[in-house]
Amino acid sequence: VAGPPAVREDTMWLLTRLAVDRHDEYDLTTG
């Protein structure tokens, strides 16, 4: 949200991967 612009995109990528990775469709709750 408030870090240096150069690292925000990579940080969002990492947060997204932590939350939902390519194998997670097997383990996700609904919604």
Full PDB file with SEQRES, HELIX, SHEET, SSBOND, CRYST1, ORIGX, SCALE, CONECT and MASTER records, all heavy atoms in Angstrom:
SEQRES   1 A   31  VAL ALA GLY PRO PRO ALA VAL ARG GLU ASP THR MET TRP          
SEQRES   2 A   31  LEU LEU THR ARG LEU ALA VAL ASP ARG HIS ASP GLU TYR          
SEQRES   3 A   31  ASP LEU THR THR GLY                                          
HELIX    1 AA1 PRO A    5  ALA A   19  1                                  15    
HELIX    2 AA2 ASP A   24  TYR A   26  5                                   3    
CRYST1    1.000    1.000    1.000  90.00  90.00  90.00 P 1           1          
ORIGX1      1.000000  0.000000  0.000000        0.00000                         
ORIGX2      0.000000  1.000000  0.000000        0.00000                         
ORIGX3      0.000000  0.000000  1.000000        0.00000                         
SCALE1      1.000000  0.000000  0.000000        0.00000                         
SCALE2      0.000000  1.000000  0.000000        0.00000                         
SCALE3      0.000000  0.000000  1.000000        0.00000                         
ATOM      1  N   VAL A   1       0.816  -1.215   0.000  1.00  0.00           N  
ATOM      2  CA  VAL A   1       0.000   0.000   0.000  1.00  0.00           C  
ATOM      3  C   VAL A   1       0.850   1.265   0.000  1.00  0.00           C  
ATOM      4  O   VAL A   1       0.566   2.210  -0.731  1.00  0.00           O  
ATOM      5  CB  VAL A   1      -0.945   0.002   1.223  1.00  0.00           C  
ATOM      6  CG1 VAL A   1      -1.631   1.345   1.393  1.00  0.00           C  
ATOM      7  CG2 VAL A   1      -1.967  -1.102   1.088  1.00  0.00           C  
ATOM      8  N   ALA A   2       1.905   1.291   0.792  1.00  0.00           N  
ATOM      9  CA  ALA A   2       2.635   2.549   0.985  1.00  0.00           C  
ATOM     10  C   ALA A   2       4.145   2.430   0.824  1.00  0.00           C  
ATOM     11  O   ALA A   2       4.870   3.352   1.160  1.00  0.00           O  
ATOM     12  CB  ALA A   2       2.318   3.104   2.373  1.00  0.00           C  
ATOM     13  N   GLY A   3       4.611   1.317   0.315  1.00  0.00           N  
ATOM     14  CA  GLY A   3       6.049   1.138   0.145  1.00  0.00           C  
ATOM     15  C   GLY A   3       6.562   1.851  -1.089  1.00  0.00           C  
ATOM     16  O   GLY A   3       5.809   2.501  -1.815  1.00  0.00           O  
ATOM     17  N   PRO A   4       7.847   1.732  -1.345  1.00  0.00           N  
ATOM     18  CA  PRO A   4       8.419   2.347  -2.544  1.00  0.00           C  
ATOM     19  C   PRO A   4       7.738   1.788  -3.799  1.00  0.00           C  
ATOM     20  O   PRO A   4       7.495   0.583  -3.893  1.00  0.00           O  
ATOM     21  CB  PRO A   4       9.890   1.919  -2.498  1.00  0.00           C  
ATOM     22  CG  PRO A   4      10.139   1.515  -1.082  1.00  0.00           C  
ATOM     23  CD  PRO A   4       8.834   1.028  -0.542  1.00  0.00           C  
ATOM     24  N   PRO A   5       7.417   2.645  -4.744  1.00  0.00           N  
ATOM     25  CA  PRO A   5       6.718   2.189  -5.954  1.00  0.00           C  
ATOM     26  C   PRO A   5       7.411   1.021  -6.658  1.00  0.00           C  
ATOM     27  O   PRO A   5       6.736   0.148  -7.206  1.00  0.00           O  
ATOM     28  CB  PRO A   5       6.701   3.434  -6.845  1.00  0.00           C  
ATOM     29  CG  PRO A   5       6.766   4.581  -5.890  1.00  0.00           C  
ATOM     30  CD  PRO A   5       7.624   4.094  -4.748  1.00  0.00           C  
ATOM     31  N   ALA A   6       8.710   0.967  -6.613  1.00  0.00           N  
ATOM     32  CA  ALA A   6       9.445  -0.085  -7.329  1.00  0.00           C  
ATOM     33  C   ALA A   6       9.182  -1.480  -6.768  1.00  0.00           C  
ATOM     34  O   ALA A   6       9.387  -2.471  -7.466  1.00  0.00           O  
ATOM     35  CB  ALA A   6      10.939   0.213  -7.298  1.00  0.00           C  
ATOM     36  N   VAL A   7       8.735  -1.591  -5.527  1.00  0.00           N  
ATOM     37  CA  VAL A   7       8.523  -2.917  -4.931  1.00  0.00           C  
ATOM     38  C   VAL A   7       7.060  -3.266  -4.723  1.00  0.00           C  
ATOM     39  O   VAL A   7       6.742  -4.387  -4.341  1.00  0.00           O  
ATOM     40  CB  VAL A   7       9.284  -3.064  -3.592  1.00  0.00           C  
ATOM     41  CG1 VAL A   7      10.771  -2.933  -3.802  1.00  0.00           C  
ATOM     42  CG2 VAL A   7       8.779  -2.092  -2.555  1.00  0.00           C  
ATOM     43  N   ARG A   8       6.157  -2.333  -4.970  1.00  0.00           N  
ATOM     44  CA  ARG A   8       4.741  -2.601  -4.718  1.00  0.00           C  
ATOM     45  C   ARG A   8       4.207  -3.753  -5.565  1.00  0.00           C  
ATOM     46  O   ARG A   8       3.496  -4.616  -5.076  1.00  0.00           O  
ATOM     47  CB  ARG A   8       3.912  -1.349  -4.962  1.00  0.00           C  
ATOM     48  CG  ARG A   8       4.095  -0.305  -3.901  1.00  0.00           C  
ATOM     49  CD  ARG A   8       3.206   0.872  -4.162  1.00  0.00           C  
ATOM     50  NE  ARG A   8       3.568   1.969  -3.291  1.00  0.00           N  
ATOM     51  CZ  ARG A   8       3.137   3.196  -3.447  1.00  0.00           C  
ATOM     52  NH1 ARG A   8       2.327   3.489  -4.444  1.00  0.00           N  
ATOM     53  NH2 ARG A   8       3.515   4.132  -2.620  1.00  0.00           N  
ATOM     54  N   GLU A   9       4.527  -3.767  -6.848  1.00  0.00           N  
ATOM     55  CA  GLU A   9       4.004  -4.812  -7.729  1.00  0.00           C  
ATOM     56  C   GLU A   9       4.508  -6.191  -7.312  1.00  0.00           C  
ATOM     57  O   GLU A   9       3.735  -7.145  -7.237  1.00  0.00           O  
ATOM     58  CB  GLU A   9       4.400  -4.531  -9.175  1.00  0.00           C  
ATOM     59  CG  GLU A   9       3.797  -5.514 -10.147  1.00  0.00           C  
ATOM     60  CD  GLU A   9       4.111  -5.169 -11.590  1.00  0.00           C  
ATOM     61  OE1 GLU A   9       4.611  -4.079 -11.882  1.00  0.00           O  
ATOM     62  OE2 GLU A   9       3.841  -6.044 -12.433  1.00  0.00           O  
ATOM     63  N   ASP A  10       5.793  -6.302  -7.018  1.00  0.00           N  
ATOM     64  CA  ASP A  10       6.336  -7.593  -6.574  1.00  0.00           C  
ATOM     65  C   ASP A  10       5.704  -8.024  -5.258  1.00  0.00           C  
ATOM     66  O   ASP A  10       5.455  -9.210  -5.036  1.00  0.00           O  
ATOM     67  CB  ASP A  10       7.851  -7.511  -6.419  1.00  0.00           C  
ATOM     68  CG  ASP A  10       8.567  -7.415  -7.745  1.00  0.00           C  
ATOM     69  OD1 ASP A  10       7.965  -7.768  -8.783  1.00  0.00           O  
ATOM     70  OD2 ASP A  10       9.731  -6.988  -7.746  1.00  0.00           O  
ATOM     71  N   THR A  11       5.446  -7.062  -4.394  1.00  0.00           N  
ATOM     72  CA  THR A  11       4.836  -7.370  -3.101  1.00  0.00           C  
ATOM     73  C   THR A  11       3.409  -7.877  -3.295  1.00  0.00           C  
ATOM     74  O   THR A  11       3.001  -8.856  -2.654  1.00  0.00           O  
ATOM     75  CB  THR A  11       4.858  -6.136  -2.183  1.00  0.00           C  
ATOM     76  OG1 THR A  11       6.203  -5.680  -2.056  1.00  0.00           O  
ATOM     77  CG2 THR A  11       4.306  -6.454  -0.814  1.00  0.00           C  
ATOM     78  N   MET A  12       2.667  -7.251  -4.198  1.00  0.00           N  
ATOM     79  CA  MET A  12       1.310  -7.721  -4.484  1.00  0.00           C  
ATOM     80  C   MET A  12       1.339  -9.125  -5.090  1.00  0.00           C  
ATOM     81  O   MET A  12       0.489  -9.964  -4.777  1.00  0.00           O  
ATOM     82  CB  MET A  12       0.597  -6.752  -5.430  1.00  0.00           C  
ATOM     83  CG  MET A  12       0.114  -5.496  -4.743  1.00  0.00           C  
ATOM     84  SD  MET A  12      -1.029  -5.800  -3.376  1.00  0.00           S  
ATOM     85  CE  MET A  12      -2.362  -6.632  -4.214  1.00  0.00           C  
ATOM     86  N   TRP A  13       2.324  -9.370  -5.944  1.00  0.00           N  
ATOM     87  CA  TRP A  13       2.460 -10.715  -6.530  1.00  0.00           C  
ATOM     88  C   TRP A  13       2.657 -11.746  -5.416  1.00  0.00           C  
ATOM     89  O   TRP A  13       2.003 -12.790  -5.404  1.00  0.00           O  
ATOM     90  CB  TRP A  13       3.644 -10.738  -7.496  1.00  0.00           C  
ATOM     91  CG  TRP A  13       3.876 -12.091  -8.096  1.00  0.00           C  
ATOM     92  CD1 TRP A  13       3.323 -12.595  -9.229  1.00  0.00           C  
ATOM     93  CD2 TRP A  13       4.728 -13.126  -7.574  1.00  0.00           C  
ATOM     94  NE1 TRP A  13       3.770 -13.883  -9.449  1.00  0.00           N  
ATOM     95  CE2 TRP A  13       4.627 -14.225  -8.449  1.00  0.00           C  
ATOM     96  CE3 TRP A  13       5.555 -13.224  -6.463  1.00  0.00           C  
ATOM     97  CZ2 TRP A  13       5.332 -15.404  -8.236  1.00  0.00           C  
ATOM     98  CZ3 TRP A  13       6.243 -14.406  -6.255  1.00  0.00           C  
ATOM     99  CH2 TRP A  13       6.133 -15.471  -7.136  1.00  0.00           C  
ATOM    100  N   LEU A  14       3.552 -11.436  -4.486  1.00  0.00           N  
ATOM    101  CA  LEU A  14       3.834 -12.375  -3.398  1.00  0.00           C  
ATOM    102  C   LEU A  14       2.605 -12.566  -2.509  1.00  0.00           C  
ATOM    103  O   LEU A  14       2.261 -13.701  -2.153  1.00  0.00           O  
ATOM    104  CB  LEU A  14       5.034 -11.897  -2.576  1.00  0.00           C  
ATOM    105  CG  LEU A  14       5.437 -12.769  -1.391  1.00  0.00           C  
ATOM    106  CD1 LEU A  14       5.666 -14.219  -1.818  1.00  0.00           C  
ATOM    107  CD2 LEU A  14       6.697 -12.198  -0.739  1.00  0.00           C  
ATOM    108  N   LEU A  15       1.915 -11.487  -2.175  1.00  0.00           N  
ATOM    109  CA  LEU A  15       0.703 -11.609  -1.366  1.00  0.00           C  
ATOM    110  C   LEU A  15      -0.353 -12.460  -2.075  1.00  0.00           C  
ATOM    111  O   LEU A  15      -1.016 -13.291  -1.446  1.00  0.00           O  
ATOM    112  CB  LEU A  15       0.127 -10.227  -1.046  1.00  0.00           C  
ATOM    113  CG  LEU A  15       0.827  -9.462   0.059  1.00  0.00           C  
ATOM    114  CD1 LEU A  15       0.388  -8.003   0.061  1.00  0.00           C  
ATOM    115  CD2 LEU A  15       0.580 -10.104   1.411  1.00  0.00           C  
ATOM    116  N   THR A  16      -0.489 -12.268  -3.372  1.00  0.00           N  
ATOM    117  CA  THR A  16      -1.461 -13.047  -4.138  1.00  0.00           C  
ATOM    118  C   THR A  16      -1.086 -14.518  -4.137  1.00  0.00           C  
ATOM    119  O   THR A  16      -1.935 -15.393  -3.947  1.00  0.00           O  
ATOM    120  CB  THR A  16      -1.555 -12.515  -5.581  1.00  0.00           C  
ATOM    121  OG1 THR A  16      -1.933 -11.140  -5.528  1.00  0.00           O  
ATOM    122  CG2 THR A  16      -2.575 -13.294  -6.379  1.00  0.00           C  
ATOM    123  N   ARG A  17       0.187 -14.798  -4.345  1.00  0.00           N  
ATOM    124  CA  ARG A  17       0.638 -16.193  -4.341  1.00  0.00           C  
ATOM    125  C   ARG A  17       0.454 -16.832  -2.969  1.00  0.00           C  
ATOM    126  O   ARG A  17       0.105 -18.008  -2.874  1.00  0.00           O  
ATOM    127  CB  ARG A  17       2.108 -16.289  -4.745  1.00  0.00           C  
ATOM    128  CG  ARG A  17       2.338 -15.993  -6.199  1.00  0.00           C  
ATOM    129  CD  ARG A  17       1.754 -17.090  -7.042  1.00  0.00           C  
ATOM    130  NE  ARG A  17       2.253 -16.991  -8.393  1.00  0.00           N  
ATOM    131  CZ  ARG A  17       1.515 -17.155  -9.468  1.00  0.00           C  
ATOM    132  NH1 ARG A  17       0.255 -17.426  -9.364  1.00  0.00           N  
ATOM    133  NH2 ARG A  17       2.044 -17.048 -10.652  1.00  0.00           N  
ATOM    134  N   LEU A  18       0.681 -16.071  -1.910  1.00  0.00           N  
ATOM    135  CA  LEU A  18       0.465 -16.606  -0.567  1.00  0.00           C  
ATOM    136  C   LEU A  18      -1.011 -16.935  -0.346  1.00  0.00           C  
ATOM    137  O   LEU A  18      -1.352 -17.935   0.282  1.00  0.00           O  
ATOM    138  CB  LEU A  18       0.940 -15.618   0.499  1.00  0.00           C  
ATOM    139  CG  LEU A  18       2.438 -15.525   0.700  1.00  0.00           C  
ATOM    140  CD1 LEU A  18       2.779 -14.318   1.564  1.00  0.00           C  
ATOM    141  CD2 LEU A  18       2.986 -16.795   1.330  1.00  0.00           C  
ATOM    142  N   ALA A  19      -1.889 -16.094  -0.887  1.00  0.00           N  
ATOM    143  CA  ALA A  19      -3.324 -16.286  -0.677  1.00  0.00           C  
ATOM    144  C   ALA A  19      -3.892 -17.371  -1.584  1.00  0.00           C  
ATOM    145  O   ALA A  19      -4.635 -18.241  -1.128  1.00  0.00           O  
ATOM    146  CB  ALA A  19      -4.055 -14.966  -0.918  1.00  0.00           C  
ATOM    147  N   VAL A  20      -3.557 -17.319  -2.872  1.00  0.00           N  
ATOM    148  CA  VAL A  20      -4.154 -18.228  -3.847  1.00  0.00           C  
ATOM    149  C   VAL A  20      -3.087 -18.604  -4.856  1.00  0.00           C  
ATOM    150  O   VAL A  20      -2.724 -17.809  -5.703  1.00  0.00           O  
ATOM    151  CB  VAL A  20      -5.330 -17.556  -4.591  1.00  0.00           C  
ATOM    152  CG1 VAL A  20      -5.955 -18.532  -5.581  1.00  0.00           C  
ATOM    153  CG2 VAL A  20      -6.371 -17.041  -3.621  1.00  0.00           C  
ATOM    154  N   ASP A  21      -2.622 -19.814  -4.786  1.00  0.00           N  
ATOM    155  CA  ASP A  21      -1.613 -20.254  -5.742  1.00  0.00           C  
ATOM    156  C   ASP A  21      -2.250 -21.174  -6.766  1.00  0.00           C  
ATOM    157  O   ASP A  21      -3.409 -21.542  -6.656  1.00  0.00           O  
ATOM    158  CB  ASP A  21      -0.460 -20.965  -5.017  1.00  0.00           C  
ATOM    159  CG  ASP A  21       0.717 -21.230  -5.940  1.00  0.00           C  
ATOM    160  OD1 ASP A  21       1.028 -20.364  -6.777  1.00  0.00           O  
ATOM    161  OD2 ASP A  21       1.309 -22.318  -5.848  1.00  0.00           O  
ATOM    162  N   ARG A  22      -1.482 -21.573  -7.732  1.00  0.00           N  
ATOM    163  CA  ARG A  22      -2.012 -22.340  -8.858  1.00  0.00           C  
ATOM    164  C   ARG A  22      -2.618 -23.679  -8.458  1.00  0.00           C  
ATOM    165  O   ARG A  22      -3.443 -24.221  -9.173  1.00  0.00           O  
ATOM    166  CB  ARG A  22      -0.937 -22.539  -9.908  1.00  0.00           C  
ATOM    167  CG  ARG A  22       0.261 -23.336  -9.432  1.00  0.00           C  
ATOM    168  CD  ARG A  22       1.320 -23.380 -10.525  1.00  0.00           C  
ATOM    169  NE  ARG A  22       2.529 -23.980 -10.056  1.00  0.00           N  
ATOM    170  CZ  ARG A  22       3.530 -23.314  -9.511  1.00  0.00           C  
ATOM    171  NH1 ARG A  22       3.467 -22.028  -9.383  1.00  0.00           N  
ATOM    172  NH2 ARG A  22       4.607 -23.943  -9.107  1.00  0.00           N  
ATOM    173  N   HIS A  23      -2.241 -24.244  -7.341  1.00  0.00           N  
ATOM    174  CA  HIS A  23      -2.779 -25.537  -6.927  1.00  0.00           C  
ATOM    175  C   HIS A  23      -3.939 -25.392  -5.956  1.00  0.00           C  
ATOM    176  O   HIS A  23      -4.539 -26.379  -5.571  1.00  0.00           O  
ATOM    177  CB  HIS A  23      -1.678 -26.380  -6.273  1.00  0.00           C  
ATOM    178  CG  HIS A  23      -0.506 -26.603  -7.177  1.00  0.00           C  
ATOM    179  ND1 HIS A  23      -0.603 -27.330  -8.328  1.00  0.00           N  
ATOM    180  CD2 HIS A  23       0.770 -26.155  -7.108  1.00  0.00           C  
ATOM    181  CE1 HIS A  23       0.586 -27.350  -8.942  1.00  0.00           C  
ATOM    182  NE2 HIS A  23       1.415 -26.643  -8.224  1.00  0.00           N  
ATOM    183  N   ASP A  24      -4.259 -24.159  -5.580  1.00  0.00           N  
ATOM    184  CA  ASP A  24      -5.237 -23.953  -4.519  1.00  0.00           C  
ATOM    185  C   ASP A  24      -6.682 -24.193  -4.906  1.00  0.00           C  
ATOM    186  O   ASP A  24      -7.545 -24.230  -4.058  1.00  0.00           O  
ATOM    187  CB  ASP A  24      -5.111 -22.544  -3.940  1.00  0.00           C  
ATOM    188  CG  ASP A  24      -3.898 -22.403  -3.049  1.00  0.00           C  
ATOM    189  OD1 ASP A  24      -3.320 -23.433  -2.658  1.00  0.00           O  
ATOM    190  OD2 ASP A  24      -3.523 -21.269  -2.745  1.00  0.00           O  
ATOM    191  N   GLU A  25      -6.972 -24.356  -6.203  1.00  0.00           N  
ATOM    192  CA  GLU A  25      -8.370 -24.586  -6.556  1.00  0.00           C  
ATOM    193  C   GLU A  25      -8.891 -25.863  -5.902  1.00  0.00           C  
ATOM    194  O   GLU A  25     -10.079 -26.054  -5.759  1.00  0.00           O  
ATOM    195  CB  GLU A  25      -8.583 -24.610  -8.064  1.00  0.00           C  
ATOM    196  CG  GLU A  25      -7.899 -25.751  -8.773  1.00  0.00           C  
ATOM    197  CD  GLU A  25      -6.534 -25.347  -9.347  1.00  0.00           C  
ATOM    198  OE1 GLU A  25      -5.982 -24.318  -8.965  1.00  0.00           O  
ATOM    199  OE2 GLU A  25      -6.031 -26.098 -10.185  1.00  0.00           O  
ATOM    200  N   TYR A  26      -7.982 -26.727  -5.479  1.00  0.00           N  
ATOM    201  CA  TYR A  26      -8.399 -27.956  -4.828  1.00  0.00           C  
ATOM    202  C   TYR A  26      -8.704 -27.753  -3.346  1.00  0.00           C  
ATOM    203  O   TYR A  26      -9.378 -28.565  -2.746  1.00  0.00           O  
ATOM    204  CB  TYR A  26      -7.305 -29.025  -4.965  1.00  0.00           C  
ATOM    205  CG  TYR A  26      -6.892 -29.231  -6.400  1.00  0.00           C  
ATOM    206  CD1 TYR A  26      -5.647 -28.821  -6.831  1.00  0.00           C  
ATOM    207  CD2 TYR A  26      -7.754 -29.815  -7.326  1.00  0.00           C  
ATOM    208  CE1 TYR A  26      -5.265 -29.002  -8.155  1.00  0.00           C  
ATOM    209  CE2 TYR A  26      -7.376 -29.987  -8.651  1.00  0.00           C  
ATOM    210  CZ  TYR A  26      -6.130 -29.586  -9.063  1.00  0.00           C  
ATOM    211  OH  TYR A  26      -5.757 -29.747 -10.363  1.00  0.00           O  
ATOM    212  N   ASP A  27      -8.186 -26.676  -2.784  1.00  0.00           N  
ATOM    213  CA  ASP A  27      -8.293 -26.462  -1.347  1.00  0.00           C  
ATOM    214  C   ASP A  27      -9.109 -25.229  -0.959  1.00  0.00           C  
ATOM    215  O   ASP A  27      -9.275 -24.963   0.211  1.00  0.00           O  
ATOM    216  CB  ASP A  27      -6.895 -26.300  -0.734  1.00  0.00           C  
ATOM    217  CG  ASP A  27      -6.016 -27.506  -1.010  1.00  0.00           C  
ATOM    218  OD1 ASP A  27      -6.535 -28.636  -0.977  1.00  0.00           O  
ATOM    219  OD2 ASP A  27      -4.817 -27.317  -1.260  1.00  0.00           O  
ATOM    220  N   LEU A  28      -9.591 -24.471  -1.926  1.00  0.00           N  
ATOM    221  CA  LEU A  28     -10.256 -23.213  -1.625  1.00  0.00           C  
ATOM    222  C   LEU A  28     -11.648 -23.424  -1.055  1.00  0.00           C  
ATOM    223  O   LEU A  28     -12.369 -24.344  -1.444  1.00  0.00           O  
ATOM    224  CB  LEU A  28     -10.388 -22.361  -2.890  1.00  0.00           C  
ATOM    225  CG  LEU A  28      -9.089 -21.809  -3.431  1.00  0.00           C  
ATOM    226  CD1 LEU A  28      -9.355 -21.085  -4.747  1.00  0.00           C  
ATOM    227  CD2 LEU A  28      -8.441 -20.870  -2.448  1.00  0.00           C  
ATOM    228  N   THR A  29     -12.018 -22.515  -0.164  1.00  0.00           N  
ATOM    229  CA  THR A  29     -13.395 -22.495   0.304  1.00  0.00           C  
ATOM    230  C   THR A  29     -14.232 -21.824  -0.779  1.00  0.00           C  
ATOM    231  O   THR A  29     -13.704 -21.262  -1.726  1.00  0.00           O  
ATOM    232  CB  THR A  29     -13.498 -21.699   1.621  1.00  0.00           C  
ATOM    233  OG1 THR A  29     -13.027 -20.371   1.376  1.00  0.00           O  
ATOM    234  CG2 THR A  29     -12.683 -22.335   2.708  1.00  0.00           C  
ATOM    235  N   THR A  30     -15.519 -21.851  -0.634  1.00  0.00           N  
ATOM    236  CA  THR A  30     -16.377 -21.236  -1.653  1.00  0.00           C  
ATOM    237  C   THR A  30     -16.204 -19.721  -1.649  1.00  0.00           C  
ATOM    238  O   THR A  30     -15.786 -19.129  -0.665  1.00  0.00           O  
ATOM    239  CB  THR A  30     -17.853 -21.581  -1.391  1.00  0.00           C  
ATOM    240  OG1 THR A  30     -18.193 -21.122  -0.084  1.00  0.00           O  
ATOM    241  CG2 THR A  30     -18.097 -23.063  -1.502  1.00  0.00           C  
ATOM    242  N   GLY A  31     -16.543 -19.125  -2.785  1.00  0.00           N  
ATOM    243  CA  GLY A  31     -16.506 -17.676  -2.882  1.00  0.00           C  
ATOM    244  C   GLY A  31     -15.278 -17.119  -3.569  1.00  0.00           C  
ATOM    245  O   GLY A  31     -15.197 -15.927  -3.807  1.00  0.00           O  
TER     246      GLY A  31                                                      
MASTER        0    0    0    2    0    0    0    6  245    1    0    3          
END                                                                             
